[in-house]
């Protein structure tokens, strides 16, 4: 009988706790209460709510995120040290954790760590946004960070190393670079994300490329932007990804939606979106340039070069696109 009473008490306690925490607002009164709470310390001219000021819960970078992110570098990495093969050469051309590989080059010492990198090329030569190729040419070359290795034997013409951590398979011809310990990123508590913040005048740039050459990415993805340490960017800085609706207007695919009919059949006067000669309807004219800029995500900087930075998307409201703008977010 005591056990039954104890079990009943435990169930009632659990139910009470569940009612107090962890539940999303389900009624209009609950949502109004949440919106009212969010309105504290609101920017002037706003009434924050769960839609325009969602709570930003950040995904923190792991070791793999930090050491496998890749980078853009204006300075071409030297090919004086490279991977010549491995223990199973020639029957195996790809090597991973625990494998023994052979490194050409000079100056190796037993016990030293190095990183394996790879100069990359995008086999899809199509520009994902106007001017991408010229901006990339000015920013530098893309490199992948492939693995970490430790030298175990230097008695031969080629040094022998063991792969201690791999991000991708190591290939003959990959380059050897000095190992630099990556700075960990401090924990980021949940914050309110201003989805429609106007331009602030802070340092800004653009997403030029992403790891694996994806065109659209989400949380956890790595992106490369065209501002770096020369502009004061440092590891741990936060940038918001932003997009104007004019970017959709100039996109060859997304712009088709602007040409589709938007009016309701019962509207007496049908609106027009940036009409050209002879295409204006009898209703109001909507100008795409007047639509507010929207913030689509947040990134933390996990690596820098003098002219570029590598960021990790830690929060996304929608897909982040190549060509999206970035603006330093100092609220962090």
C-alpha atoms as a PDB file:
ATOM      1  CA  UNK A   1       0.000   0.000   0.000  1.00  0.00           C
ATOM      2  CA  UNK A   2       2.886   2.355   0.812  1.00  0.00           C
ATOM      3  CA  UNK A   3       4.446   1.592  -2.572  1.00  0.00           C
ATOM      4  CA  UNK A   4       1.201   2.448  -4.366  1.00  0.00           C
ATOM      5  CA  UNK A   5       0.908   5.725  -2.432  1.00  0.00           C
ATOM      6  CA  UNK A   6       4.530   6.633  -3.210  1.00  0.00           C
ATOM      7  CA  UNK A   7       4.042   5.879  -6.897  1.00  0.00           C
ATOM      8  CA  UNK A   8       0.889   8.019  -6.998  1.00  0.00           C
ATOM      9  CA  UNK A   9       2.717  10.908  -5.321  1.00  0.00           C
ATOM     10  CA  UNK A  10       5.576  10.628  -7.821  1.00  0.00           C
ATOM     11  CA  UNK A  11       3.171  10.695 -10.784  1.00  0.00           C
ATOM     12  CA  UNK A  12       1.370  13.757  -9.419  1.00  0.00           C
ATOM     13  CA  UNK A  13       4.681  15.567  -8.852  1.00  0.00           C
ATOM     14  CA  UNK A  14       5.864  14.770 -12.379  1.00  0.00           C
ATOM     15  CA  UNK A  15       2.597  16.055 -13.848  1.00  0.00           C
ATOM     16  CA  UNK A  16       2.856  19.276 -11.863  1.00  0.00           C
ATOM     17  CA  UNK A  17       6.426  19.876 -13.027  1.00  0.00           C
ATOM     18  CA  UNK A  18       5.438  19.181 -16.636  1.00  0.00           C
ATOM     19  CA  UNK A  19       2.767  21.862 -16.376  1.00  0.00           C
ATOM     20  CA  UNK A  20       5.279  24.393 -15.093  1.00  0.00           C
ATOM     21  CA  UNK A  21       8.230  23.936 -17.477  1.00  0.00           C
ATOM     22  CA  UNK A  22       9.021  22.788 -20.976  1.00  0.00           C
ATOM     23  CA  UNK A  23       5.579  23.360 -22.494  1.00  0.00           C
ATOM     24  CA  UNK A  24       4.989  25.631 -25.468  1.00  0.00           C
ATOM     25  CA  UNK A  25       2.144  28.157 -25.150  1.00  0.00           C
ATOM     26  CA  UNK A  26      -1.024  26.606 -26.551  1.00  0.00           C
ATOM     27  CA  UNK A  27      -3.721  29.239 -25.984  1.00  0.00           C
ATOM     28  CA  UNK A  28      -3.933  32.840 -27.147  1.00  0.00           C
ATOM     29  CA  UNK A  29      -3.604  33.958 -23.516  1.00  0.00           C
ATOM     30  CA  UNK A  30      -0.398  31.926 -23.115  1.00  0.00           C
ATOM     31  CA  UNK A  31       1.065  33.338 -26.323  1.00  0.00           C
ATOM     32  CA  UNK A  32       0.145  36.863 -25.237  1.00  0.00           C
ATOM     33  CA  UNK A  33       1.953  36.283 -21.936  1.00  0.00           C
ATOM     34  CA  UNK A  34       5.064  35.107 -23.768  1.00  0.00           C
ATOM     35  CA  UNK A  35       4.929  38.120 -26.097  1.00  0.00           C
ATOM     36  CA  UNK A  36       4.511  40.484 -23.149  1.00  0.00           C
ATOM     37  CA  UNK A  37       7.555  38.970 -21.438  1.00  0.00           C
ATOM     38  CA  UNK A  38       9.583  39.396 -24.621  1.00  0.00           C
ATOM     39  CA  UNK A  39       8.587  43.062 -24.785  1.00  0.00           C
ATOM     40  CA  UNK A  40      10.892  43.966 -21.888  1.00  0.00           C
ATOM     41  CA  UNK A  41      13.865  46.058 -23.030  1.00  0.00           C
ATOM     42  CA  UNK A  42      12.545  46.011 -26.586  1.00  0.00           C
ATOM     43  CA  UNK A  43      14.162  48.193 -29.268  1.00  0.00           C
ATOM     44  CA  UNK A  44      12.279  51.422 -29.839  1.00  0.00           C
ATOM     45  CA  UNK A  45       9.529  51.076 -32.405  1.00  0.00           C
ATOM     46  CA  UNK A  46       8.993  47.351 -31.859  1.00  0.00           C
ATOM     47  CA  UNK A  47       6.629  45.096 -29.986  1.00  0.00           C
ATOM     48  CA  UNK A  48       8.645  41.852 -29.719  1.00  0.00           C
ATOM     49  CA  UNK A  49       6.858  38.538 -29.995  1.00  0.00           C
ATOM     50  CA  UNK A  50       7.767  34.926 -30.570  1.00  0.00           C
ATOM     51  CA  UNK A  51       7.653  35.368 -34.366  1.00  0.00           C
ATOM     52  CA  UNK A  52       9.733  38.526 -34.872  1.00  0.00           C
ATOM     53  CA  UNK A  53      11.980  38.023 -31.810  1.00  0.00           C
ATOM     54  CA  UNK A  54      12.406  34.236 -31.445  1.00  0.00           C
ATOM     55  CA  UNK A  55      14.695  32.827 -28.780  1.00  0.00           C
ATOM     56  CA  UNK A  56      18.062  31.952 -30.289  1.00  0.00           C
ATOM     57  CA  UNK A  57      19.459  28.691 -28.925  1.00  0.00           C
ATOM     58  CA  UNK A  58      22.967  28.344 -30.278  1.00  0.00           C
ATOM     59  CA  UNK A  59      24.595  25.120 -31.466  1.00  0.00           C
ATOM     60  CA  UNK A  60      28.130  25.199 -30.044  1.00  0.00           C
ATOM     61  CA  UNK A  61      31.102  24.011 -32.184  1.00  0.00           C
ATOM     62  CA  UNK A  62      32.683  20.621 -31.428  1.00  0.00           C
ATOM     63  CA  UNK A  63      36.272  19.519 -32.016  1.00  0.00           C
ATOM     64  CA  UNK A  64      35.266  18.225 -35.438  1.00  0.00           C
ATOM     65  CA  UNK A  65      33.647  21.575 -36.277  1.00  0.00           C
ATOM     66  CA  UNK A  66      36.794  23.479 -35.323  1.00  0.00           C
ATOM     67  CA  UNK A  67      39.400  21.238 -36.967  1.00  0.00           C
ATOM     68  CA  UNK A  68      37.441  20.244 -40.102  1.00  0.00           C
ATOM     69  CA  UNK A  69      36.021  23.625 -41.132  1.00  0.00           C
ATOM     70  CA  UNK A  70      38.355  24.572 -43.983  1.00  0.00           C
ATOM     71  CA  UNK A  71      39.241  28.120 -44.992  1.00  0.00           C
ATOM     72  CA  UNK A  72      39.846  30.611 -47.799  1.00  0.00           C
ATOM     73  CA  UNK A  73      43.397  31.901 -48.086  1.00  0.00           C
ATOM     74  CA  UNK A  74      44.749  34.611 -50.366  1.00  0.00           C
ATOM     75  CA  UNK A  75      48.231  33.210 -49.721  1.00  0.00           C
ATOM     76  CA  UNK A  76      48.667  29.948 -51.595  1.00  0.00           C
ATOM     77  CA  UNK A  77      49.778  27.107 -49.316  1.00  0.00           C
ATOM     78  CA  UNK A  78      53.168  25.618 -50.163  1.00  0.00           C
ATOM     79  CA  UNK A  79      53.409  22.165 -51.741  1.00  0.00           C
ATOM     80  CA  UNK A  80      56.929  21.485 -50.437  1.00  0.00           C
ATOM     81  CA  UNK A  81      55.485  18.992 -47.922  1.00  0.00           C
ATOM     82  CA  UNK A  82      52.853  16.498 -49.013  1.00  0.00           C
ATOM     83  CA  UNK A  83      51.444  12.982 -48.612  1.00  0.00           C
ATOM     84  CA  UNK A  84      53.284  10.443 -50.794  1.00  0.00           C
ATOM     85  CA  UNK A  85      51.324   7.335 -49.872  1.00  0.00           C
ATOM     86  CA  UNK A  86      50.618   4.954 -47.016  1.00  0.00           C
ATOM     87  CA  UNK A  87      51.220   1.508 -45.611  1.00  0.00           C
ATOM     88  CA  UNK A  88      48.828  -0.144 -48.091  1.00  0.00           C
ATOM     89  CA  UNK A  89      50.037   1.743 -51.188  1.00  0.00           C
ATOM     90  CA  UNK A  90      49.266   1.078 -54.076  1.00  0.00           C
ATOM     91  CA  UNK A  91      46.181  -1.010 -53.244  1.00  0.00           C
ATOM     92  CA  UNK A  92      44.771   1.768 -51.059  1.00  0.00           C
ATOM     93  CA  UNK A  93      44.645   5.444 -52.008  1.00  0.00           C
ATOM     94  CA  UNK A  94      42.537   6.750 -49.116  1.00  0.00           C
ATOM     95  CA  UNK A  95      43.633   6.726 -45.485  1.00  0.00           C
ATOM     96  CA  UNK A  96      41.760   7.433 -42.237  1.00  0.00           C
ATOM     97  CA  UNK A  97      42.086   7.259 -38.434  1.00  0.00           C
ATOM     98  CA  UNK A  98      44.943   5.058 -37.259  1.00  0.00           C
ATOM     99  CA  UNK A  99      46.488   4.559 -40.713  1.00  0.00           C
ATOM    100  CA  UNK A 100      50.206   5.048 -41.329  1.00  0.00           C
ATOM    101  CA  UNK A 101      51.097   7.488 -44.111  1.00  0.00           C
ATOM    102  CA  UNK A 102      54.354   8.716 -45.675  1.00  0.00           C
ATOM    103  CA  UNK A 103      55.170  12.442 -45.816  1.00  0.00           C
ATOM    104  CA  UNK A 104      57.586  14.132 -48.188  1.00  0.00           C
ATOM    105  CA  UNK A 105      59.341  17.273 -47.011  1.00  0.00           C
ATOM    106  CA  UNK A 106      61.956  18.380 -44.524  1.00  0.00           C
ATOM    107  CA  UNK A 107      62.170  19.335 -40.865  1.00  0.00           C
ATOM    108  CA  UNK A 108      59.936  16.642 -39.400  1.00  0.00           C
ATOM    109  CA  UNK A 109      60.597  15.564 -35.815  1.00  0.00           C
ATOM    110  CA  UNK A 110      59.285  12.462 -34.075  1.00  0.00           C
ATOM    111  CA  UNK A 111      56.280  13.279 -31.897  1.00  0.00           C
ATOM    112  CA  UNK A 112      55.365  16.492 -33.729  1.00  0.00           C
ATOM    113  CA  UNK A 113      51.799  17.076 -34.902  1.00  0.00           C
ATOM    114  CA  UNK A 114      50.839  18.384 -38.331  1.00  0.00           C
ATOM    115  CA  UNK A 115      47.597  18.941 -40.183  1.00  0.00           C
ATOM    116  CA  UNK A 116      46.749  17.655 -43.630  1.00  0.00           C
ATOM    117  CA  UNK A 117      45.042  20.141 -45.945  1.00  0.00           C
ATOM    118  CA  UNK A 118      43.829  20.043 -49.528  1.00  0.00           C
ATOM    119  CA  UNK A 119      43.560  22.808 -52.095  1.00  0.00           C
ATOM    120  CA  UNK A 120      40.049  22.566 -53.520  1.00  0.00           C
ATOM    121  CA  UNK A 121      38.222  23.418 -56.699  1.00  0.00           C
ATOM    122  CA  UNK A 122      34.495  23.701 -57.299  1.00  0.00           C
ATOM    123  CA  UNK A 123      33.713  21.367 -60.185  1.00  0.00           C
ATOM    124  CA  UNK A 124      30.440  23.233 -60.697  1.00  0.00           C
ATOM    125  CA  UNK A 125      31.602  26.412 -62.411  1.00  0.00           C
ATOM    126  CA  UNK A 126      28.178  28.068 -62.391  1.00  0.00           C
ATOM    127  CA  UNK A 127      27.986  31.307 -60.410  1.00  0.00           C
ATOM    128  CA  UNK A 128      25.509  30.971 -57.549  1.00  0.00           C
ATOM    129  CA  UNK A 129      25.177  34.755 -57.364  1.00  0.00           C
ATOM    130  CA  UNK A 130      26.269  37.550 -59.668  1.00  0.00           C
ATOM    131  CA  UNK A 131      29.936  38.435 -59.142  1.00  0.00           C
ATOM    132  CA  UNK A 132      30.783  35.342 -57.068  1.00  0.00           C
ATOM    133  CA  UNK A 133      33.817  34.351 -59.143  1.00  0.00           C
ATOM    134  CA  UNK A 134      35.422  37.790 -59.048  1.00  0.00           C
ATOM    135  CA  UNK A 135      34.853  38.064 -55.292  1.00  0.00           C
ATOM    136  CA  UNK A 136      36.365  34.610 -54.746  1.00  0.00           C
ATOM    137  CA  UNK A 137      39.378  35.500 -56.872  1.00  0.00           C
ATOM    138  CA  UNK A 138      39.963  38.543 -54.680  1.00  0.00           C
ATOM    139  CA  UNK A 139      39.427  36.593 -51.447  1.00  0.00           C
ATOM    140  CA  UNK A 140      41.693  33.611 -52.133  1.00  0.00           C
ATOM    141  CA  UNK A 141      41.760  29.866 -52.662  1.00  0.00           C
ATOM    142  CA  UNK A 142      39.558  27.336 -50.828  1.00  0.00           C
ATOM    143  CA  UNK A 143      41.283  24.711 -48.686  1.00  0.00           C
ATOM    144  CA  UNK A 144      39.857  21.726 -46.882  1.00  0.00           C
ATOM    145  CA  UNK A 145      41.180  20.622 -43.498  1.00  0.00           C
ATOM    146  CA  UNK A 146      41.454  16.853 -43.866  1.00  0.00           C
ATOM    147  CA  UNK A 147      43.210  15.325 -40.848  1.00  0.00           C
ATOM    148  CA  UNK A 148      45.642  15.647 -37.942  1.00  0.00           C
ATOM    149  CA  UNK A 149      48.732  13.434 -37.891  1.00  0.00           C
ATOM    150  CA  UNK A 150      51.660  12.741 -35.570  1.00  0.00           C
ATOM    151  CA  UNK A 151      55.180  11.879 -36.762  1.00  0.00           C
ATOM    152  CA  UNK A 152      56.263   8.441 -35.510  1.00  0.00           C
ATOM    153  CA  UNK A 153      59.465   7.762 -37.536  1.00  0.00           C
ATOM    154  CA  UNK A 154      62.008  10.034 -39.263  1.00  0.00           C
ATOM    155  CA  UNK A 155      64.745   7.500 -40.117  1.00  0.00           C
ATOM    156  CA  UNK A 156      63.872   7.366 -43.826  1.00  0.00           C
ATOM    157  CA  UNK A 157      63.775   9.805 -46.715  1.00  0.00           C
ATOM    158  CA  UNK A 158      60.014  10.080 -46.142  1.00  0.00           C
ATOM    159  CA  UNK A 159      58.689  10.682 -42.640  1.00  0.00           C
ATOM    160  CA  UNK A 160      56.181   8.160 -41.322  1.00  0.00           C
ATOM    161  CA  UNK A 161      53.084   9.582 -39.587  1.00  0.00           C
ATOM    162  CA  UNK A 162      49.993   8.101 -37.994  1.00  0.00           C
ATOM    163  CA  UNK A 163      46.597   9.721 -38.554  1.00  0.00           C
ATOM    164  CA  UNK A 164      45.275  10.703 -35.133  1.00  0.00           C
ATOM    165  CA  UNK A 165      42.073  12.472 -36.226  1.00  0.00           C
ATOM    166  CA  UNK A 166      40.484  12.506 -39.678  1.00  0.00           C
ATOM    167  CA  UNK A 167      37.780  14.754 -41.085  1.00  0.00           C
ATOM    168  CA  UNK A 168      37.877  13.128 -44.498  1.00  0.00           C
ATOM    169  CA  UNK A 169      39.949  10.459 -46.223  1.00  0.00           C
ATOM    170  CA  UNK A 170      43.585  11.496 -46.739  1.00  0.00           C
ATOM    171  CA  UNK A 171      44.769  11.192 -50.350  1.00  0.00           C
ATOM    172  CA  UNK A 172      48.276  11.128 -51.880  1.00  0.00           C
ATOM    173  CA  UNK A 173      49.046  14.684 -52.971  1.00  0.00           C
ATOM    174  CA  UNK A 174      47.352  16.310 -49.988  1.00  0.00           C
ATOM    175  CA  UNK A 175      49.492  18.997 -48.375  1.00  0.00           C
ATOM    176  CA  UNK A 176      51.161  19.033 -44.953  1.00  0.00           C
ATOM    177  CA  UNK A 177      50.856  22.208 -42.870  1.00  0.00           C
ATOM    178  CA  UNK A 178      51.939  23.173 -39.338  1.00  0.00           C
ATOM    179  CA  UNK A 179      49.527  22.187 -36.581  1.00  0.00           C
ATOM    180  CA  UNK A 180      47.929  25.112 -34.758  1.00  0.00           C
ATOM    181  CA  UNK A 181      45.700  24.448 -31.774  1.00  0.00           C
ATOM    182  CA  UNK A 182      42.200  25.835 -32.343  1.00  0.00           C
ATOM    183  CA  UNK A 183      40.721  28.244 -29.830  1.00  0.00           C
ATOM    184  CA  UNK A 184      37.580  26.855 -28.143  1.00  0.00           C
ATOM    185  CA  UNK A 185      34.367  28.868 -28.380  1.00  0.00           C
ATOM    186  CA  UNK A 186      32.807  30.079 -25.128  1.00  0.00           C
ATOM    187  CA  UNK A 187      29.312  28.900 -24.255  1.00  0.00           C
ATOM    188  CA  UNK A 188      26.537  31.098 -25.635  1.00  0.00           C
ATOM    189  CA  UNK A 189      23.342  31.381 -23.545  1.00  0.00           C
ATOM    190  CA  UNK A 190      19.958  31.700 -25.306  1.00  0.00           C
ATOM    191  CA  UNK A 191      19.251  35.222 -26.556  1.00  0.00           C
ATOM    192  CA  UNK A 192      16.476  37.044 -28.373  1.00  0.00           C
ATOM    193  CA  UNK A 193      17.022  37.099 -32.161  1.00  0.00           C
ATOM    194  CA  UNK A 194      15.915  40.329 -33.856  1.00  0.00           C
ATOM    195  CA  UNK A 195      14.598  39.060 -37.176  1.00  0.00           C
ATOM    196  CA  UNK A 196      14.033  42.474 -38.745  1.00  0.00           C
ATOM    197  CA  UNK A 197      16.878  44.548 -37.337  1.00  0.00           C
ATOM    198  CA  UNK A 198      17.681  47.461 -39.715  1.00  0.00           C
ATOM    199  CA  UNK A 199      21.278  47.852 -40.977  1.00  0.00           C
ATOM    200  CA  UNK A 200      23.441  48.841 -38.004  1.00  0.00           C
ATOM    201  CA  UNK A 201      26.524  50.183 -39.787  1.00  0.00           C
ATOM    202  CA  UNK A 202      28.700  47.505 -38.161  1.00  0.00           C
ATOM    203  CA  UNK A 203      31.343  45.595 -40.095  1.00  0.00           C
ATOM    204  CA  UNK A 204      29.672  43.743 -42.951  1.00  0.00           C
ATOM    205  CA  UNK A 205      30.589  41.369 -45.742  1.00  0.00           C
ATOM    206  CA  UNK A 206      29.211  38.515 -47.784  1.00  0.00           C
ATOM    207  CA  UNK A 207      29.124  34.717 -47.811  1.00  0.00           C
ATOM    208  CA  UNK A 208      31.314  33.734 -50.760  1.00  0.00           C
ATOM    209  CA  UNK A 209      31.501  29.971 -50.413  1.00  0.00           C
ATOM    210  CA  UNK A 210      30.500  27.097 -48.167  1.00  0.00           C
ATOM    211  CA  UNK A 211      32.215  23.895 -47.178  1.00  0.00           C
ATOM    212  CA  UNK A 212      31.445  21.145 -49.731  1.00  0.00           C
ATOM    213  CA  UNK A 213      30.305  23.904 -52.148  1.00  0.00           C
ATOM    214  CA  UNK A 214      26.669  23.788 -51.027  1.00  0.00           C
ATOM    215  CA  UNK A 215      24.406  26.595 -52.244  1.00  0.00           C
ATOM    216  CA  UNK A 216      22.014  26.557 -49.279  1.00  0.00           C
ATOM    217  CA  UNK A 217      22.959  25.548 -45.742  1.00  0.00           C
ATOM    218  CA  UNK A 218      21.541  25.372 -42.232  1.00  0.00           C
ATOM    219  CA  UNK A 219      22.700  24.995 -38.625  1.00  0.00           C
ATOM    220  CA  UNK A 220      26.127  23.396 -38.269  1.00  0.00           C
ATOM    221  CA  UNK A 221      27.302  24.321 -41.781  1.00  0.00           C
ATOM    222  CA  UNK A 222      30.600  26.125 -42.411  1.00  0.00           C
ATOM    223  CA  UNK A 223      30.706  29.278 -44.531  1.00  0.00           C
ATOM    224  CA  UNK A 224      33.513  31.545 -45.741  1.00  0.00           C
ATOM    225  CA  UNK A 225      33.079  35.325 -45.665  1.00  0.00           C
ATOM    226  CA  UNK A 226      35.136  38.122 -47.219  1.00  0.00           C
ATOM    227  CA  UNK A 227      36.137  39.984 -44.049  1.00  0.00           C
ATOM    228  CA  UNK A 228      39.002  38.833 -41.847  1.00  0.00           C
ATOM    229  CA  UNK A 229      41.564  39.768 -39.238  1.00  0.00           C
ATOM    230  CA  UNK A 230      42.640  42.834 -41.222  1.00  0.00           C
ATOM    231  CA  UNK A 231      39.171  44.223 -40.478  1.00  0.00           C
ATOM    232  CA  UNK A 232      39.361  43.221 -36.799  1.00  0.00           C
ATOM    233  CA  UNK A 233      37.464  39.926 -37.040  1.00  0.00           C
ATOM    234  CA  UNK A 234      38.530  37.361 -34.446  1.00  0.00           C
ATOM    235  CA  UNK A 235      37.583  33.858 -33.367  1.00  0.00           C
ATOM    236  CA  UNK A 236      34.459  33.958 -31.190  1.00  0.00           C
ATOM    237  CA  UNK A 237      32.872  36.949 -32.951  1.00  0.00           C
ATOM    238  CA  UNK A 238      29.262  36.606 -34.053  1.00  0.00           C
ATOM    239  CA  UNK A 239      27.774  37.695 -37.369  1.00  0.00           C
ATOM    240  CA  UNK A 240      24.142  37.623 -38.446  1.00  0.00           C
ATOM    241  CA  UNK A 241      23.284  36.450 -41.966  1.00  0.00           C
ATOM    242  CA  UNK A 242      20.909  38.888 -43.652  1.00  0.00           C
ATOM    243  CA  UNK A 243      19.010  39.062 -46.925  1.00  0.00           C
ATOM    244  CA  UNK A 244      17.149  41.762 -48.830  1.00  0.00           C
ATOM    245  CA  UNK A 245      14.165  40.739 -50.927  1.00  0.00           C
ATOM    246  CA  UNK A 246      15.893  42.315 -53.922  1.00  0.00           C
ATOM    247  CA  UNK A 247      18.253  39.320 -53.812  1.00  0.00           C
ATOM    248  CA  UNK A 248      15.255  37.111 -54.620  1.00  0.00           C
ATOM    249  CA  UNK A 249      14.171  39.556 -57.304  1.00  0.00           C
ATOM    250  CA  UNK A 250      17.529  39.189 -59.085  1.00  0.00           C
ATOM    251  CA  UNK A 251      17.785  35.426 -58.652  1.00  0.00           C
ATOM    252  CA  UNK A 252      16.938  33.635 -61.925  1.00  0.00           C
ATOM    253  CA  UNK A 253      14.820  31.024 -60.104  1.00  0.00           C
ATOM    254  CA  UNK A 254      13.361  32.835 -57.085  1.00  0.00           C
ATOM    255  CA  UNK A 255      12.400  35.837 -59.232  1.00  0.00           C
ATOM    256  CA  UNK A 256       9.826  33.689 -61.032  1.00  0.00           C
ATOM    257  CA  UNK A 257       7.649  33.818 -57.920  1.00  0.00           C
ATOM    258  CA  UNK A 258       7.417  37.596 -58.262  1.00  0.00           C
ATOM    259  CA  UNK A 259       5.945  37.099 -61.732  1.00  0.00           C
ATOM    260  CA  UNK A 260       3.205  34.769 -60.520  1.00  0.00           C
ATOM    261  CA  UNK A 261      -0.303  36.073 -59.829  1.00  0.00           C
ATOM    262  CA  UNK A 262      -0.655  37.237 -56.223  1.00  0.00           C
ATOM    263  CA  UNK A 263      -4.134  38.773 -56.266  1.00  0.00           C
ATOM    264  CA  UNK A 264      -7.290  37.224 -54.861  1.00  0.00           C
ATOM    265  CA  UNK A 265      -9.986  36.856 -57.527  1.00  0.00           C
ATOM    266  CA  UNK A 266     -12.405  38.990 -55.521  1.00  0.00           C
ATOM    267  CA  UNK A 267     -10.027  41.963 -55.272  1.00  0.00           C
ATOM    268  CA  UNK A 268     -11.495  44.824 -57.261  1.00  0.00           C
ATOM    269  CA  UNK A 269      -8.097  46.443 -57.736  1.00  0.00           C
ATOM    270  CA  UNK A 270      -5.261  44.001 -58.216  1.00  0.00           C
ATOM    271  CA  UNK A 271      -1.750  44.936 -57.061  1.00  0.00           C
ATOM    272  CA  UNK A 272       1.411  44.956 -59.170  1.00  0.00           C
ATOM    273  CA  UNK A 273       4.979  44.134 -58.096  1.00  0.00           C
ATOM    274  CA  UNK A 274       7.541  46.481 -59.657  1.00  0.00           C
ATOM    275  CA  UNK A 275       5.591  46.569 -62.941  1.00  0.00           C
ATOM    276  CA  UNK A 276       7.307  47.201 -66.227  1.00  0.00           C
ATOM    277  CA  UNK A 277       5.805  49.081 -69.163  1.00  0.00           C
ATOM    278  CA  UNK A 278       2.396  47.688 -69.995  1.00  0.00           C
ATOM    279  CA  UNK A 279       2.218  45.248 -67.071  1.00  0.00           C
ATOM    280  CA  UNK A 280       0.745  47.420 -64.310  1.00  0.00           C
ATOM    281  CA  UNK A 281      -2.607  46.340 -62.923  1.00  0.00           C
ATOM    282  CA  UNK A 282      -5.293  48.732 -61.679  1.00  0.00           C
ATOM    283  CA  UNK A 283      -4.338  48.425 -57.991  1.00  0.00           C
ATOM    284  CA  UNK A 284      -1.465  49.555 -55.804  1.00  0.00           C
ATOM    285  CA  UNK A 285       2.178  49.176 -56.786  1.00  0.00           C
ATOM    286  CA  UNK A 286       4.429  47.136 -54.497  1.00  0.00           C
ATOM    287  CA  UNK A 287       8.141  47.947 -54.620  1.00  0.00           C
ATOM    288  CA  UNK A 288      10.377  45.024 -53.629  1.00  0.00           C
ATOM    289  CA  UNK A 289      13.122  47.398 -52.479  1.00  0.00           C
ATOM    290  CA  UNK A 290      10.728  48.750 -49.828  1.00  0.00           C
ATOM    291  CA  UNK A 291      10.365  45.350 -48.117  1.00  0.00           C
ATOM    292  CA  UNK A 292      12.382  45.103 -44.870  1.00  0.00           C
ATOM    293  CA  UNK A 293      15.698  43.350 -44.660  1.00  0.00           C
ATOM    294  CA  UNK A 294      15.378  40.058 -42.798  1.00  0.00           C
ATOM    295  CA  UNK A 295      17.878  38.160 -40.669  1.00  0.00           C
ATOM    296  CA  UNK A 296      18.035  34.498 -41.627  1.00  0.00           C
ATOM    297  CA  UNK A 297      20.617  33.120 -39.211  1.00  0.00           C
ATOM    298  CA  UNK A 298      23.560  33.589 -36.878  1.00  0.00           C
ATOM    299  CA  UNK A 299      27.147  32.384 -37.194  1.00  0.00           C
ATOM    300  CA  UNK A 300      30.183  32.266 -34.914  1.00  0.00           C
ATOM    301  CA  UNK A 301      33.675  32.805 -36.301  1.00  0.00           C
ATOM    302  CA  UNK A 302      35.891  29.731 -35.808  1.00  0.00           C
ATOM    303  CA  UNK A 303      38.874  30.733 -37.946  1.00  0.00           C
ATOM    304  CA  UNK A 304      40.380  33.783 -39.642  1.00  0.00           C
ATOM    305  CA  UNK A 305      42.913  34.778 -42.277  1.00  0.00           C
ATOM    306  CA  UNK A 306      43.911  38.393 -42.971  1.00  0.00           C
ATOM    307  CA  UNK A 307      41.194  38.813 -45.613  1.00  0.00           C
ATOM    308  CA  UNK A 308      38.601  36.104 -44.856  1.00  0.00           C
ATOM    309  CA  UNK A 309      36.937  34.256 -41.986  1.00  0.00           C
ATOM    310  CA  UNK A 310      35.362  30.856 -41.508  1.00  0.00           C
ATOM    311  CA  UNK A 311      32.014  30.854 -39.735  1.00  0.00           C
ATOM    312  CA  UNK A 312      29.775  28.112 -38.418  1.00  0.00           C
ATOM    313  CA  UNK A 313      26.005  28.575 -38.657  1.00  0.00           C
ATOM    314  CA  UNK A 314      24.798  28.174 -35.073  1.00  0.00           C
ATOM    315  CA  UNK A 315      21.173  29.271 -35.516  1.00  0.00           C
ATOM    316  CA  UNK A 316      19.004  29.479 -38.627  1.00  0.00           C
ATOM    317  CA  UNK A 317      15.445  30.659 -39.188  1.00  0.00           C
ATOM    318  CA  UNK A 318      15.552  29.487 -42.826  1.00  0.00           C
ATOM    319  CA  UNK A 319      18.158  28.329 -45.342  1.00  0.00           C
ATOM    320  CA  UNK A 320      21.271  30.494 -45.492  1.00  0.00           C
ATOM    321  CA  UNK A 321      22.277  31.165 -49.117  1.00  0.00           C
ATOM    322  CA  UNK A 322      25.525  31.798 -50.902  1.00  0.00           C
ATOM    323  CA  UNK A 323      25.666  35.549 -51.468  1.00  0.00           C
ATOM    324  CA  UNK A 324      23.773  36.437 -48.293  1.00  0.00           C
ATOM    325  CA  UNK A 325      25.137  39.446 -46.462  1.00  0.00           C
ATOM    326  CA  UNK A 326      26.733  39.209 -43.030  1.00  0.00           C
ATOM    327  CA  UNK A 327      26.874  41.897 -40.365  1.00  0.00           C
ATOM    328  CA  UNK A 328      28.736  41.829 -37.064  1.00  0.00           C
ATOM    329  CA  UNK A 329      26.372  41.185 -34.189  1.00  0.00           C
ATOM    330  CA  UNK A 330      27.743  42.796 -31.040  1.00  0.00           C
ATOM    331  CA  UNK A 331      24.742  41.936 -28.851  1.00  0.00           C
ATOM    332  CA  UNK A 332      26.510  38.625 -28.226  1.00  0.00           C
END
